[in-house]
C-alpha atoms as a PDB file:
ATOM      1  CA  THR A   1       0.000   0.000   0.000  1.00  0.00           C
ATOM      2  CA  LEU A   2       1.386   3.347  -1.134  1.00  0.00           C
ATOM      3  CA  ARG A   3      -1.738   4.916   0.354  1.00  0.00           C
ATOM      4  CA  ASP A   4      -0.611   4.503   3.960  1.00  0.00           C
ATOM      5  CA  GLY A   5       2.536   6.516   3.301  1.00  0.00           C
ATOM      6  CA  GLY A   6       0.413   9.409   2.122  1.00  0.00           C
ATOM      7  CA  TYR A   7      -0.330  10.503   5.672  1.00  0.00           C
ATOM      8  CA  TYR A   8       3.132  12.117   5.654  1.00  0.00           C
ATOM      9  CA  ASN A   9       2.841  14.148   2.468  1.00  0.00           C
ATOM     10  CA  ALA A  10      -0.913  14.652   1.994  1.00  0.00           C
ATOM     11  CA  TRP A  11      -0.852  11.888  -0.674  1.00  0.00           C
ATOM     12  CA  ASP A  12       1.076  14.225  -2.957  1.00  0.00           C
ATOM     13  CA  PHE A  13       3.353  11.709  -4.715  1.00  0.00           C
ATOM     14  CA  SER A  14       4.814  12.728  -8.060  1.00  0.00           C
ATOM     15  CA  VAL A  15       4.017  10.678 -11.148  1.00  0.00           C
ATOM     16  CA  ASP A  16       7.722   9.868 -11.578  1.00  0.00           C
ATOM     17  CA  LEU A  17       7.972   8.532  -8.027  1.00  0.00           C
ATOM     18  CA  ILE A  18       4.819   6.436  -8.429  1.00  0.00           C
ATOM     19  CA  ASN A  19       6.135   4.982 -11.682  1.00  0.00           C
ATOM     20  CA  ASP A  20       9.424   4.024 -10.002  1.00  0.00           C
ATOM     21  CA  TYR A  21       7.456   2.524  -7.119  1.00  0.00           C
ATOM     22  CA  LEU A  22       5.249   0.479  -9.446  1.00  0.00           C
ATOM     23  CA  GLU A  23       8.282  -0.823 -11.294  1.00  0.00           C
ATOM     24  CA  ALA A  24       9.880  -1.899  -8.010  1.00  0.00           C
ATOM     25  CA  MET A  25       6.686  -3.621  -6.841  1.00  0.00           C
ATOM     26  CA  SER A  26       6.475  -5.462 -10.142  1.00  0.00           C
ATOM     27  CA  ALA A  27      10.079  -6.622  -9.789  1.00  0.00           C
ATOM     28  CA  ILE A  28       9.460  -8.208  -6.377  1.00  0.00           C
ATOM     29  CA  SER A  29       6.235  -9.895  -7.547  1.00  0.00           C
ATOM     30  CA  VAL A  30       3.774  -7.932  -5.449  1.00  0.00           C
ATOM     31  CA  ASP A  31       0.256  -8.868  -6.542  1.00  0.00           C
ATOM     32  CA  TYR A  32      -1.732  -5.726  -5.707  1.00  0.00           C
ATOM     33  CA  VAL A  33      -0.729  -2.105  -5.236  1.00  0.00           C
ATOM     34  CA  GLU A  34      -3.139   0.090  -3.309  1.00  0.00           C
ATOM     35  CA  LEU A  35      -2.309   3.467  -4.816  1.00  0.00           C
ATOM     36  CA  GLY A  36      -4.364   5.656  -2.518  1.00  0.00           C
ATOM     37  CA  PHE A  37      -7.777   6.650  -1.314  1.00  0.00           C
ATOM     38  CA  ARG A  38     -10.791   7.442  -3.424  1.00  0.00           C
ATOM     39  CA  SER A  39     -12.788  10.198  -1.796  1.00  0.00           C
ATOM     40  CA  LEU A  40     -15.361  12.929  -2.291  1.00  0.00           C
ATOM     41  CA  GLU A  41     -13.876  15.108   0.444  1.00  0.00           C
ATOM     42  CA  ALA A  42     -12.076  18.249  -0.674  1.00  0.00           C
ATOM     43  CA  GLY A  43     -11.785  20.492   2.363  1.00  0.00           C
ATOM     44  CA  SER A  44      -8.026  21.065   2.118  1.00  0.00           C
ATOM     45  CA  PHE A  45      -5.127  20.472  -0.259  1.00  0.00           C
ATOM     46  CA  LYS A  46      -4.342  16.847  -0.919  1.00  0.00           C
ATOM     47  CA  GLY A  47      -2.382  15.225  -3.721  1.00  0.00           C
ATOM     48  CA  GLY A  48      -3.597  12.921  -6.452  1.00  0.00           C
ATOM     49  CA  CYS A  49      -3.369   9.752  -4.364  1.00  0.00           C
ATOM     50  CA  ALA A  50      -5.985  11.123  -1.957  1.00  0.00           C
ATOM     51  CA  TYR A  51      -8.506  10.697  -4.772  1.00  0.00           C
ATOM     52  CA  THR A  52      -6.786   8.254  -7.139  1.00  0.00           C
ATOM     53  CA  THR A  53      -9.192   8.930  -9.966  1.00  0.00           C
ATOM     54  CA  ASP A  54      -9.182   6.793 -13.088  1.00  0.00           C
ATOM     55  CA  ASN A  55      -7.853   9.774 -15.061  1.00  0.00           C
ATOM     56  CA  PHE A  56      -4.951  10.158 -12.619  1.00  0.00           C
ATOM     57  CA  ILE A  57      -4.124   6.446 -12.809  1.00  0.00           C
ATOM     58  CA  ARG A  58      -4.089   6.542 -16.603  1.00  0.00           C
ATOM     59  CA  LYS A  59      -1.142   8.970 -16.420  1.00  0.00           C
ATOM     60  CA  LEU A  60       0.953   6.217 -14.820  1.00  0.00           C
ATOM     61  CA  ASN A  61       3.003   3.405 -16.313  1.00  0.00           C
ATOM     62  CA  ILE A  62       1.323   0.286 -14.941  1.00  0.00           C
ATOM     63  CA  PRO A  63       3.305  -2.975 -15.227  1.00  0.00           C
ATOM     64  CA  SER A  64       1.185  -5.745 -16.695  1.00  0.00           C
ATOM     65  CA  ASN A  65       1.658  -8.067 -13.714  1.00  0.00           C
ATOM     66  CA  LEU A  66       0.239  -5.622 -11.133  1.00  0.00           C
ATOM     67  CA  LYS A  67      -3.362  -5.197 -10.078  1.00  0.00           C
ATOM     68  CA  LEU A  68      -4.369  -1.843  -8.652  1.00  0.00           C
ATOM     69  CA  GLY A  69      -6.505  -1.065  -5.647  1.00  0.00           C
ATOM     70  CA  VAL A  70      -7.950   1.961  -3.890  1.00  0.00           C
ATOM     71  CA  MET A  71      -9.383   2.412  -0.401  1.00  0.00           C
ATOM     72  CA  ILE A  72     -12.553   4.200   0.611  1.00  0.00           C
ATOM     73  CA  ASN A  73     -13.527   5.147   4.144  1.00  0.00           C
ATOM     74  CA  ALA A  74     -16.827   3.657   5.246  1.00  0.00           C
ATOM     75  CA  SER A  75     -17.583   6.794   7.253  1.00  0.00           C
ATOM     76  CA  GLU A  76     -17.707   8.814   4.054  1.00  0.00           C
ATOM     77  CA  ILE A  77     -20.120   6.593   2.162  1.00  0.00           C
ATOM     78  CA  VAL A  78     -22.461   5.538   4.981  1.00  0.00           C
ATOM     79  CA  ASN A  79     -22.945   9.145   6.077  1.00  0.00           C
ATOM     80  CA  TYR A  80     -23.350  10.575   2.569  1.00  0.00           C
ATOM     81  CA  LYS A  81     -26.457  12.763   2.459  1.00  0.00           C
ATOM     82  CA  ASN A  82     -27.940  11.044  -0.598  1.00  0.00           C
ATOM     83  CA  GLY A  83     -27.136   7.532   0.525  1.00  0.00           C
ATOM     84  CA  LEU A  84     -24.385   4.965   0.159  1.00  0.00           C
ATOM     85  CA  VAL A  85     -25.119   3.924  -3.432  1.00  0.00           C
ATOM     86  CA  SER A  86     -25.215   7.547  -4.553  1.00  0.00           C
ATOM     87  CA  ALA A  87     -21.774   8.110  -2.999  1.00  0.00           C
ATOM     88  CA  LEU A  88     -20.323   5.011  -4.646  1.00  0.00           C
ATOM     89  CA  SER A  89     -21.783   5.890  -8.038  1.00  0.00           C
ATOM     90  CA  LYS A  90     -19.966   9.223  -7.853  1.00  0.00           C
ATOM     91  CA  LEU A  91     -16.697   7.463  -7.066  1.00  0.00           C
ATOM     92  CA  PHE A  92     -16.752   4.434  -9.381  1.00  0.00           C
ATOM     93  CA  LYS A  93     -17.614   3.538 -12.946  1.00  0.00           C
ATOM     94  CA  PRO A  94     -18.040  -0.106 -13.958  1.00  0.00           C
ATOM     95  CA  SER A  95     -14.722  -1.923 -13.612  1.00  0.00           C
ATOM     96  CA  SER A  96     -14.635  -2.553 -17.363  1.00  0.00           C
ATOM     97  CA  LYS A  97     -14.052   1.195 -17.763  1.00  0.00           C
ATOM     98  CA  SER A  98     -11.550   1.543 -14.916  1.00  0.00           C
ATOM     99  CA  PRO A  99      -7.887   0.577 -14.325  1.00  0.00           C
ATOM    100  CA  VAL A 100      -8.825  -0.345 -10.723  1.00  0.00           C
ATOM    101  CA  THR A 101      -9.320  -4.011  -9.804  1.00  0.00           C
ATOM    102  CA  LEU A 102      -9.709  -3.960  -6.007  1.00  0.00           C
ATOM    103  CA  VAL A 103     -11.726  -1.658  -3.755  1.00  0.00           C
ATOM    104  CA  ARG A 104     -11.138  -1.880  -0.006  1.00  0.00           C
ATOM    105  CA  ILE A 105     -13.610  -0.390   2.456  1.00  0.00           C
ATOM    106  CA  ALA A 106     -12.022   0.698   5.741  1.00  0.00           C
ATOM    107  CA  CYS A 107     -14.542   0.239   8.565  1.00  0.00           C
ATOM    108  CA  HIS A 108     -14.754   0.715  12.267  1.00  0.00           C
ATOM    109  CA  MET A 109     -16.932  -1.977  13.767  1.00  0.00           C
ATOM    110  CA  HIS A 110     -19.862   0.406  14.281  1.00  0.00           C
ATOM    111  CA  GLU A 111     -19.826   1.231  10.533  1.00  0.00           C
ATOM    112  CA  PHE A 112     -19.391  -2.318   9.306  1.00  0.00           C
ATOM    113  CA  GLU A 113     -22.983  -3.469   8.877  1.00  0.00           C
ATOM    114  CA  SER A 114     -24.048  -0.184   7.256  1.00  0.00           C
ATOM    115  CA  ALA A 115     -21.212  -0.473   4.725  1.00  0.00           C
ATOM    116  CA  LEU A 116     -22.021  -4.036   3.623  1.00  0.00           C
ATOM    117  CA  PRO A 117     -24.574  -3.082   0.928  1.00  0.00           C
ATOM    118  CA  GLY A 118     -21.716  -1.233  -0.765  1.00  0.00           C
ATOM    119  CA  CYS A 119     -19.925  -4.550  -1.248  1.00  0.00           C
ATOM    120  CA  LEU A 120     -22.818  -5.874  -3.340  1.00  0.00           C
ATOM    121  CA  TRP A 121     -22.924  -2.705  -5.437  1.00  0.00           C
ATOM    122  CA  LEU A 122     -19.177  -2.824  -6.084  1.00  0.00           C
ATOM    123  CA  LYS A 123     -19.316  -6.530  -7.003  1.00  0.00           C
ATOM    124  CA  GLU A 124     -22.126  -5.784  -9.439  1.00  0.00           C
ATOM    125  CA  MET A 125     -19.855  -3.154 -10.977  1.00  0.00           C
ATOM    126  CA  GLY A 126     -17.223  -5.882 -11.456  1.00  0.00           C
ATOM    127  CA  TYR A 127     -14.690  -5.034  -8.733  1.00  0.00           C
ATOM    128  CA  GLU A 128     -12.916  -7.281  -6.287  1.00  0.00           C
ATOM    129  CA  VAL A 129     -13.982  -6.139  -2.828  1.00  0.00           C
ATOM    130  CA  GLY A 130     -12.190  -6.105   0.500  1.00  0.00           C
ATOM    131  CA  ILE A 131     -13.320  -5.015   3.951  1.00  0.00           C
ATOM    132  CA  ASN A 132     -10.661  -3.671   6.318  1.00  0.00           C
ATOM    133  CA  LEU A 133     -11.819  -3.968   9.944  1.00  0.00           C
ATOM    134  CA  MET A 134      -9.957  -1.350  11.985  1.00  0.00           C
ATOM    135  CA  GLN A 135      -9.087  -1.305  15.701  1.00  0.00           C
ATOM    136  CA  ILE A 136     -10.091  -4.943  15.964  1.00  0.00           C
ATOM    137  CA  ALA A 137      -7.942  -5.660  19.022  1.00  0.00           C
ATOM    138  CA  GLU A 138     -10.429  -3.634  21.049  1.00  0.00           C
ATOM    139  CA  ARG A 139     -13.320  -5.945  20.134  1.00  0.00           C
ATOM    140  CA  SER A 140     -14.709  -8.985  21.889  1.00  0.00           C
ATOM    141  CA  LYS A 141     -14.755 -12.548  20.595  1.00  0.00           C
ATOM    142  CA  GLU A 142     -18.510 -12.267  20.029  1.00  0.00           C
ATOM    143  CA  GLU A 143     -18.158  -9.041  18.030  1.00  0.00           C
ATOM    144  CA  ILE A 144     -15.410 -10.470  15.807  1.00  0.00           C
ATOM    145  CA  GLU A 145     -17.230 -13.737  15.169  1.00  0.00           C
ATOM    146  CA  GLY A 146     -20.433 -11.800  14.480  1.00  0.00           C
ATOM    147  CA  ALA A 147     -18.709  -9.524  11.982  1.00  0.00           C
ATOM    148  CA  ALA A 148     -17.194 -12.543  10.220  1.00  0.00           C
ATOM    149  CA  TYR A 149     -20.645 -14.120   9.959  1.00  0.00           C
ATOM    150  CA  LEU A 150     -22.160 -10.953   8.493  1.00  0.00           C
ATOM    151  CA  ALA A 151     -19.280 -10.717   6.029  1.00  0.00           C
ATOM    152  CA  SER A 152     -19.902 -14.316   4.953  1.00  0.00           C
ATOM    153  CA  GLN A 153     -23.423 -13.320   3.860  1.00  0.00           C
ATOM    154  CA  HIS A 154     -22.082 -10.736   1.394  1.00  0.00           C
ATOM    155  CA  PRO A 155     -19.930 -10.872  -1.757  1.00  0.00           C
ATOM    156  CA  ILE A 156     -16.565  -9.986  -0.202  1.00  0.00           C
ATOM    157  CA  ASP A 157     -13.316 -11.346  -1.630  1.00  0.00           C
ATOM    158  CA  VAL A 158     -11.020 -10.669   1.322  1.00  0.00           C
ATOM    159  CA  LEU A 159     -11.718  -9.792   4.951  1.00  0.00           C
ATOM    160  CA  TYR A 160      -8.848  -7.801   6.444  1.00  0.00           C
ATOM    161  CA  PHE A 161      -8.166  -6.997  10.066  1.00  0.00           C
ATOM    162  CA  ALA A 162      -5.950  -4.108  11.069  1.00  0.00           C
ATOM    163  CA  ASP A 163      -3.730  -3.677  14.107  1.00  0.00           C
ATOM    164  CA  SER A 164      -4.535   0.014  13.993  1.00  0.00           C
ATOM    165  CA  PHE A 165      -2.629   0.933  17.161  1.00  0.00           C
ATOM    166  CA  GLY A 166       0.324  -1.373  16.522  1.00  0.00           C
ATOM    167  CA  ARG A 167       0.179  -3.041  19.921  1.00  0.00           C
ATOM    168  CA  MET A 168      -0.903  -6.570  19.070  1.00  0.00           C
ATOM    169  CA  ARG A 169       1.370  -9.554  19.677  1.00  0.00           C
ATOM    170  CA  SER A 170       1.425 -12.868  17.880  1.00  0.00           C
ATOM    171  CA  ASP A 171      -0.949 -14.566  20.328  1.00  0.00           C
ATOM    172  CA  GLU A 172      -3.554 -11.878  19.644  1.00  0.00           C
ATOM    173  CA  VAL A 173      -3.038 -12.223  15.888  1.00  0.00           C
ATOM    174  CA  GLU A 174      -3.650 -15.944  16.209  1.00  0.00           C
ATOM    175  CA  ARG A 175      -6.691 -15.481  18.419  1.00  0.00           C
ATOM    176  CA  ILE A 176      -8.344 -12.947  16.105  1.00  0.00           C
ATOM    177  CA  THR A 177      -7.589 -15.013  13.013  1.00  0.00           C
ATOM    178  CA  LEU A 178      -9.214 -18.088  14.573  1.00  0.00           C
ATOM    179  CA  GLU A 179     -12.235 -16.036  15.644  1.00  0.00           C
ATOM    180  CA  ILE A 180     -12.644 -14.776  12.082  1.00  0.00           C
ATOM    181  CA  LYS A 181     -12.219 -18.274  10.655  1.00  0.00           C
ATOM    182  CA  LYS A 182     -15.047 -19.623  12.794  1.00  0.00           C
ATOM    183  CA  ASN A 183     -17.604 -17.965  10.493  1.00  0.00           C
ATOM    184  CA  TRP A 184     -15.505 -16.950   7.473  1.00  0.00           C
ATOM    185  CA  SER A 185     -13.999 -19.412   4.999  1.00  0.00           C
ATOM    186  CA  SER A 186     -12.692 -17.087   2.278  1.00  0.00           C
ATOM    187  CA  SER A 187      -9.452 -15.089   2.131  1.00  0.00           C
ATOM    188  CA  ILE A 188      -8.202 -13.183   5.176  1.00  0.00           C
ATOM    189  CA  GLY A 189      -5.788 -10.264   5.126  1.00  0.00           C
ATOM    190  CA  ILE A 190      -3.740  -8.457   7.766  1.00  0.00           C
ATOM    191  CA  HIS A 191      -2.644  -4.823   7.988  1.00  0.00           C
ATOM    192  CA  THR A 192      -0.069  -4.299  10.722  1.00  0.00           C
ATOM    193  CA  HIS A 193       1.368  -1.191  12.360  1.00  0.00           C
ATOM    194  CA  ASN A 194       4.742  -1.055  14.013  1.00  0.00           C
ATOM    195  CA  ASN A 195       4.270   0.908  17.245  1.00  0.00           C
ATOM    196  CA  MET A 196       5.694  -1.952  19.332  1.00  0.00           C
ATOM    197  CA  GLY A 197       8.070  -3.250  16.649  1.00  0.00           C
ATOM    198  CA  HIS A 198       5.924  -6.302  15.857  1.00  0.00           C
ATOM    199  CA  ALA A 199       4.630  -5.484  12.366  1.00  0.00           C
ATOM    200  CA  ILE A 200       6.851  -8.056  10.623  1.00  0.00           C
ATOM    201  CA  SER A 201       6.508 -10.796  13.246  1.00  0.00           C
ATOM    202  CA  ASN A 202       2.732 -10.345  13.386  1.00  0.00           C
ATOM    203  CA  THR A 203       2.462 -10.571   9.612  1.00  0.00           C
ATOM    204  CA  LEU A 204       4.576 -13.723   9.528  1.00  0.00           C
ATOM    205  CA  CYS A 205       2.523 -15.241  12.337  1.00  0.00           C
ATOM    206  CA  ALA A 206      -0.644 -14.525  10.377  1.00  0.00           C
ATOM    207  CA  LYS A 207       0.844 -16.107   7.254  1.00  0.00           C
ATOM    208  CA  LYS A 208       1.617 -19.322   9.138  1.00  0.00           C
ATOM    209  CA  ILE A 209      -1.995 -19.730  10.253  1.00  0.00           C
ATOM    210  CA  GLY A 210      -3.567 -19.153   6.868  1.00  0.00           C
ATOM    211  CA  VAL A 211      -3.815 -15.384   6.359  1.00  0.00           C
ATOM    212  CA  SER A 212      -3.031 -14.958   2.671  1.00  0.00           C
ATOM    213  CA  TRP A 213      -3.127 -11.185   2.033  1.00  0.00           C
ATOM    214  CA  HIS A 214      -0.299  -9.197   3.652  1.00  0.00           C
ATOM    215  CA  ASP A 215       0.037  -5.406   3.583  1.00  0.00           C
ATOM    216  CA  CYS A 216       3.423  -3.741   3.560  1.00  0.00           C
ATOM    217  CA  THR A 217       5.042  -0.402   2.722  1.00  0.00           C
ATOM    218  CA  ILE A 218       8.475   0.622   1.477  1.00  0.00           C
ATOM    219  CA  THR A 219      10.691   1.395   4.524  1.00  0.00           C
ATOM    220  CA  GLY A 220       7.527   0.880   6.589  1.00  0.00           C
ATOM    221  CA  MET A 221       6.330   4.403   5.689  1.00  0.00           C
ATOM    222  CA  GLY A 222       2.791   4.718   6.975  1.00  0.00           C
ATOM    223  CA  ARG A 223       0.539   6.334   9.514  1.00  0.00           C
ATOM    224  CA  GLY A 224       1.946   6.690  13.026  1.00  0.00           C
ATOM    225  CA  ALA A 225       4.858   4.326  13.600  1.00  0.00           C
ATOM    226  CA  GLY A 226       4.430   2.853  10.140  1.00  0.00           C
ATOM    227  CA  ASN A 227       3.767  -0.598   8.727  1.00  0.00           C
ATOM    228  CA  ALA A 228       5.528  -3.852   7.933  1.00  0.00           C
ATOM    229  CA  GLU A 229       8.517  -2.998   5.725  1.00  0.00           C
ATOM    230  CA  SER A 230       8.189  -4.390   2.204  1.00  0.00           C
ATOM    231  CA  GLU A 231      11.913  -4.961   1.824  1.00  0.00           C
ATOM    232  CA  LEU A 232      12.066  -7.050   5.025  1.00  0.00           C
ATOM    233  CA  LEU A 233       8.859  -8.939   4.428  1.00  0.00           C
ATOM    234  CA  VAL A 234       9.731 -10.008   0.897  1.00  0.00           C
ATOM    235  CA  GLY A 235      13.025 -11.419   2.193  1.00  0.00           C
ATOM    236  CA  GLU A 236      11.166 -13.436   4.819  1.00  0.00           C
ATOM    237  CA  PHE A 237       8.721 -14.735   2.235  1.00  0.00           C
ATOM    238  CA  VAL A 238      11.559 -15.825  -0.044  1.00  0.00           C
ATOM    239  CA  ASN A 239      13.138 -17.713   2.861  1.00  0.00           C
ATOM    240  CA  ASP A 240       9.789 -19.380   3.645  1.00  0.00           C
ATOM    241  CA  ASP A 241       9.534 -20.608   0.062  1.00  0.00           C
ATOM    242  CA  LYS A 242      12.976 -22.261   0.066  1.00  0.00           C
END
């Protein structure tokens, strides 16, 4: 995810830098690159990756082996004055007319159920859909299992959980993964933060117990203390494959 690094520069990455980044991600066999947010908000200056419009993406040199993703905040679409579908229809054309493959919806637990109809709309438009459950370490076993069950009733390709405050340890990663798996049989993803220095170890722990989507950023650049470092994680994955 390039998006997470945007908190440090208002998502104002130059086209040349993004092209170099995409080339590097292609070289290390990354599957998906989340370029930025897609948003209707425009209250202050933000760069192109705060909106990541199709027109902006078409200015880039996209390697053929990369799929592109964008993130939307559930709070923006569920609170939109004309309704969730109206907000999404302003943000997305059918996927056949867009360079974007994956749309991830970032949700707090209290927004999760309200955001789920957006998954159906996006699937009908032809996108792969992910839900990113934030601040999940604060939630009970019953809440996590309940969210996984609700997700299983909707057309979601990958259910992510985020260590938003970067304080989880491997036993918590394992616990949450197993709670999700109780009612969810499709792909699971993890988005780690590095406040306690555990972003890499937590990601590797998740991989060992069946989490198959793993977020990372170059040099760990991301919100707060940052994320799992791409250059360290890819080395670990290569070692795992030997």
